[in-house]
């Protein structure tokens, strides 16, 4: 499976601190999703146009099966990931965000502030995750079955 992982963080992209959530995506995928994986790694500032352009490139040019973003899903003015994602989607899959908030709320009541979403562009699944490594791991734990099933359906469509 070819996976794009995109970290959105003004400070990490400026070198103020290390990106920990992006590598956590890789660890979780390796642990939870069977098979071989290759990763396209991106680290961007919280910029809507830049993120939308990157998502399009990962889907349309790099042909990633799955793109997972981390960061930028909260309520602050710089949190633009859901808007940038929706701008490039052909089909939104709101159930991903709904279950992410529902399950995460049981762990951390502030999870209700997340605006994460997911959807399809071409034959790629795009999923937004929160920005903390702990939240990435937790969310991957309960989203993985749906991620695997969605990628399977998108691959089957590719072979038609």
Foldseek 3Di string as FASTA:
>chain_A
DEEEEEEEAQCCVVVVDPQPQRVLLVVLCPVQPDDDYDYDYYYYYLDLVVVLVVVCCCCPPVVGQEYEYEALFFDDPSSCVVVSQVVQAPFWDAVLLVVLLVVVCVVPVCSVRGRWTWHDHQLHIYTYWYHDSVRSNVSCVVCVVVSVVSSVVSVVVVVD
